[in-house]
Amino acid sequence: EVKQLEPEVFALNGIYSESSGIIDSHGLMDSLFRSAQKNGAFFSFGSEVKAIKKGEKGYLVATQNEEITAETVINCAGLYSDKIAALAGMDIKKMHYRRNYCKGDYFSNAGSKGKIPRLIYPTPKNDGYGLGIHATLDLDGYVRLGPDAEFVRDLNYEIDPAKKQAFYDSAKTFLPWIKEESLSPDTSGIRPKLQGPGEGFRDFVIKEETNNGYP
């Protein structure tokens, strides 16, 4: 069955996920933005939050541009979510909200268009913070490899070309047609993780904070 679905993939066993795939993330966000605007949402782009104060009728959120009164504040600031929590007065160390930077690099694969029609994941590692280097697709149908997972201190999005060997060695185990000379650095991203190096698995926190004094 694996060979029927993916003749270009080597695998002893597989789990088929029909809903796995990619999206045009920029197009999706633009659509959501326009829809929210039509429904009365107010946007203040490029506004760095400087302070958050709790008042009688909610919260006063101060930016370098303006002050906004909000009945509810949702902290979804990604790489800076722990700093936003601290601005609101939360003890991020005591609440275990301090985040760690985990960088993931991608390598593109020239001449790979049409080789595979879906995402291919190898068996995850046991470290709990990475899925392993997998084969994904870009919007043009070319194969990209990644991301890997490496804890870093700074927000640096440069890719070390020397990683090519590791990416090739990993992908060769399930994509036997991969050629090392076809790989080149592509993009990178940094995701915030609650767990740090050597720590047990911790996923995202989605929590209402009334019990911590923030109704």
Protein backbone atom coordinates (compact mmCIF):
# COMPACT_ATOMS: atom_id res chain seq x y z
CA GLU A 1 0.00 0.00 0.00
CA VAL A 2 2.90 2.36 0.75
CA LYS A 3 4.37 1.63 -2.69
CA GLN A 4 1.01 2.26 -4.35
CA LEU A 5 0.59 5.63 -2.65
CA GLU A 6 4.25 6.69 -2.73
CA PRO A 7 6.35 4.72 -5.25
CA GLU A 8 9.30 7.11 -4.69
CA VAL A 9 9.40 6.50 -0.92
CA PHE A 10 11.17 3.67 0.91
CA ALA A 11 9.30 2.53 4.02
CA LEU A 12 8.75 -0.71 5.90
CA ASN A 13 5.50 0.57 7.42
CA GLY A 14 3.45 3.73 7.32
CA ILE A 15 0.55 5.63 8.84
CA TYR A 16 -1.63 7.41 6.30
CA SER A 17 -2.95 10.83 7.35
CA GLU A 18 -5.45 12.02 4.76
CA SER A 19 -5.71 15.56 6.16
CA SER A 20 -1.97 16.37 6.35
CA GLY A 21 -0.81 18.96 3.85
CA ILE A 22 0.27 22.55 3.31
CA ILE A 23 -1.58 25.85 3.05
CA ASP A 24 -0.86 29.29 1.64
CA SER A 25 -0.37 30.83 5.09
CA HIS A 26 -0.09 34.41 3.79
CA GLY A 27 -3.27 34.02 1.75
CA LEU A 28 -5.08 32.51 4.73
CA MET A 29 -4.07 35.34 7.07
CA ASP A 30 -5.06 37.96 4.49
CA SER A 31 -8.48 36.32 4.15
CA LEU A 32 -8.97 36.20 7.93
CA PHE A 33 -7.85 39.84 8.23
CA ARG A 34 -10.34 41.04 5.61
CA SER A 35 -13.14 38.97 7.15
CA ALA A 36 -12.41 40.32 10.64
CA GLN A 37 -12.35 43.89 9.33
CA LYS A 38 -15.77 43.44 7.74
CA ASN A 39 -17.07 42.24 11.11
CA GLY A 40 -15.83 45.32 12.97
CA ALA A 41 -12.43 44.25 14.25
CA PHE A 42 -9.88 47.03 14.79
CA PHE A 43 -6.24 46.39 13.86
CA SER A 44 -3.16 48.25 15.01
CA PHE A 45 -0.22 46.78 13.11
CA GLY A 46 3.37 47.64 14.02
CA SER A 47 2.36 48.52 17.57
CA GLU A 48 4.79 47.17 20.14
CA VAL A 49 3.18 46.60 23.52
CA LYS A 50 4.96 48.63 26.21
CA ALA A 51 2.70 48.05 29.23
CA ILE A 52 -0.40 46.17 30.37
CA LYS A 53 -2.33 47.36 33.42
CA LYS A 54 -5.37 45.77 35.00
CA GLY A 55 -8.21 48.19 35.74
CA GLU A 56 -11.82 48.12 36.87
CA LYS A 57 -13.22 47.53 33.38
CA GLY A 58 -10.57 45.29 31.96
CA TYR A 59 -7.04 46.02 30.82
CA LEU A 60 -5.20 49.06 29.53
CA VAL A 61 -2.76 48.04 26.81
CA ALA A 62 -0.22 50.75 26.01
CA THR A 63 1.83 50.76 22.81
CA GLN A 64 4.26 53.32 21.39
CA ASN A 65 1.36 54.61 19.28
CA GLU A 66 -1.72 54.54 21.50
CA GLU A 67 -3.55 53.16 24.52
CA ILE A 68 -6.25 50.52 24.05
CA THR A 69 -8.80 49.46 26.66
CA ALA A 70 -9.74 45.80 26.35
CA GLU A 71 -12.16 43.68 28.31
CA THR A 72 -10.13 40.59 27.39
CA VAL A 73 -6.45 40.26 26.44
CA ILE A 74 -5.28 37.18 24.55
CA ASN A 75 -1.55 36.64 24.67
CA CYS A 76 -0.53 34.87 21.47
CA ALA A 77 2.75 36.71 20.93
CA GLY A 78 4.78 33.66 19.98
CA LEU A 79 8.49 34.30 20.52
CA TYR A 80 7.64 37.19 22.86
CA SER A 81 4.71 35.63 24.73
CA ASP A 82 6.66 35.29 27.98
CA LYS A 83 7.63 38.98 27.82
CA ILE A 84 3.97 39.95 27.31
CA ALA A 85 2.99 37.80 30.31
CA ALA A 86 5.68 39.51 32.39
CA LEU A 87 4.42 42.95 31.30
CA ALA A 88 1.01 41.97 32.67
CA GLY A 89 2.68 41.22 36.01
CA MET A 90 2.86 37.45 35.83
CA ASP A 91 5.76 35.61 37.45
CA ILE A 92 6.78 33.63 34.36
CA LYS A 93 9.41 31.64 36.24
CA LYS A 94 7.00 30.53 38.98
CA MET A 95 4.25 29.80 36.42
CA HIS A 96 6.69 27.94 34.14
CA TYR A 97 5.91 30.23 31.20
CA ARG A 98 9.47 31.06 30.23
CA ARG A 99 9.98 30.10 26.60
CA ASN A 100 13.01 28.67 24.78
CA TYR A 101 14.01 29.40 21.19
CA CYS A 102 14.07 26.31 18.96
CA LYS A 103 15.32 26.93 15.42
CA GLY A 104 14.38 24.87 12.38
CA ASP A 105 16.15 25.09 9.02
CA TYR A 106 14.97 23.96 5.59
CA PHE A 107 16.90 22.87 2.52
CA SER A 108 15.35 23.00 -0.93
CA ASN A 109 15.78 20.19 -3.44
CA ALA A 110 16.29 21.22 -7.06
CA GLY A 111 14.59 19.13 -9.73
CA SER A 112 12.20 17.46 -7.29
CA LYS A 113 8.88 18.79 -8.59
CA GLY A 114 6.26 16.06 -8.83
CA LYS A 115 8.37 13.42 -7.08
CA ILE A 116 5.96 13.08 -4.13
CA PRO A 117 2.37 14.33 -3.84
CA ARG A 118 2.19 14.58 -0.04
CA LEU A 119 4.21 15.19 3.13
CA ILE A 120 6.46 12.34 4.28
CA TYR A 121 7.49 12.07 7.95
CA PRO A 122 10.11 9.66 9.26
CA THR A 123 9.75 8.08 12.69
CA PRO A 124 10.14 10.90 15.26
CA LYS A 125 13.14 11.02 17.55
CA ASN A 126 12.80 10.38 21.27
CA ASP A 127 13.92 13.87 22.35
CA GLY A 128 10.34 15.19 22.24
CA TYR A 129 11.08 18.56 20.63
CA GLY A 130 11.40 17.67 16.95
CA LEU A 131 9.59 15.48 14.42
CA GLY A 132 12.79 14.75 12.55
CA ILE A 133 13.75 16.11 9.13
CA HIS A 134 10.80 15.37 6.87
CA ALA A 135 9.84 15.97 3.25
CA THR A 136 7.33 18.74 2.69
CA LEU A 137 6.17 20.62 -0.39
CA ASP A 138 6.20 24.28 -1.32
CA LEU A 139 3.30 25.96 -3.11
CA ASP A 140 4.93 25.20 -6.49
CA GLY A 141 5.15 21.46 -5.80
CA TYR A 142 8.90 21.23 -5.12
CA VAL A 143 10.21 19.10 -2.24
CA ARG A 144 11.80 20.81 0.76
CA LEU A 145 13.55 19.01 3.60
CA GLY A 146 13.12 20.12 7.20
CA PRO A 147 12.85 21.46 9.67
CA ASP A 148 15.53 20.19 11.98
CA ALA A 149 15.43 21.27 15.63
CA GLU A 150 18.16 23.14 17.46
CA PHE A 151 17.86 25.22 20.62
CA VAL A 152 19.42 28.66 20.16
CA ARG A 153 19.91 31.79 22.26
CA ASP A 154 19.37 34.49 19.65
CA LEU A 155 16.91 35.23 16.85
CA ASN A 156 19.25 34.49 13.95
CA TYR A 157 17.69 33.13 10.76
CA GLU A 158 20.88 32.39 8.84
CA ILE A 159 21.37 28.78 7.70
CA ASP A 160 24.69 26.98 7.99
CA PRO A 161 25.42 25.40 4.56
CA ALA A 162 27.47 22.72 6.34
CA LYS A 163 24.20 21.20 7.55
CA LYS A 164 23.60 19.87 4.04
CA GLN A 165 25.31 16.57 4.88
CA ALA A 166 23.05 15.89 7.86
CA PHE A 167 19.93 16.72 5.86
CA TYR A 168 21.05 14.45 3.05
CA ASP A 169 21.90 11.55 5.39
CA SER A 170 18.49 11.82 7.07
CA ALA A 171 16.40 12.10 3.90
CA LYS A 172 18.32 9.37 2.04
CA THR A 173 16.87 6.75 4.40
CA PHE A 174 13.34 7.25 3.05
CA LEU A 175 13.90 9.14 -0.24
CA PRO A 176 16.55 7.04 -2.01
CA TRP A 177 16.59 9.28 -5.11
CA ILE A 178 17.82 12.35 -3.17
CA LYS A 179 21.16 13.74 -4.37
CA GLU A 180 23.35 15.76 -2.03
CA GLU A 181 24.40 18.21 -4.75
CA SER A 182 20.73 19.09 -5.37
CA LEU A 183 20.26 20.47 -1.84
CA SER A 184 20.68 24.15 -0.97
CA PRO A 185 19.77 26.30 2.08
CA ASP A 186 16.19 27.58 1.83
CA THR A 187 14.39 29.18 4.79
CA SER A 188 14.46 28.94 8.57
CA GLY A 189 12.09 29.62 11.40
CA ILE A 190 12.26 29.87 15.17
CA ARG A 191 9.47 28.50 17.31
CA PRO A 192 8.96 29.14 21.01
CA LYS A 193 8.94 26.06 23.23
CA LEU A 194 8.13 25.76 26.91
CA GLN A 195 10.45 22.79 27.27
CA GLY A 196 14.19 23.32 27.14
CA PRO A 197 17.10 21.05 26.19
CA GLY A 198 16.97 17.79 28.09
CA GLU A 199 13.58 18.54 29.65
CA GLY A 200 10.40 16.49 29.40
CA PHE A 201 7.79 17.18 26.73
CA ARG A 202 5.64 20.29 27.20
CA ASP A 203 3.20 21.46 24.56
CA PHE A 204 1.45 24.81 24.18
CA VAL A 205 -0.42 26.38 27.09
CA ILE A 206 -3.94 27.60 26.29
CA LYS A 207 -5.32 28.79 29.60
CA GLU A 208 -7.75 31.25 31.15
CA GLU A 209 -5.92 33.02 33.98
CA THR A 210 -8.64 33.94 36.52
CA ASN A 211 -7.09 31.60 39.11
CA ASN A 212 -3.86 33.60 38.85
CA GLY A 213 -5.65 36.90 39.44
CA TYR A 214 -6.34 37.93 35.84
CA PRO A 215 -10.11 37.70 35.20
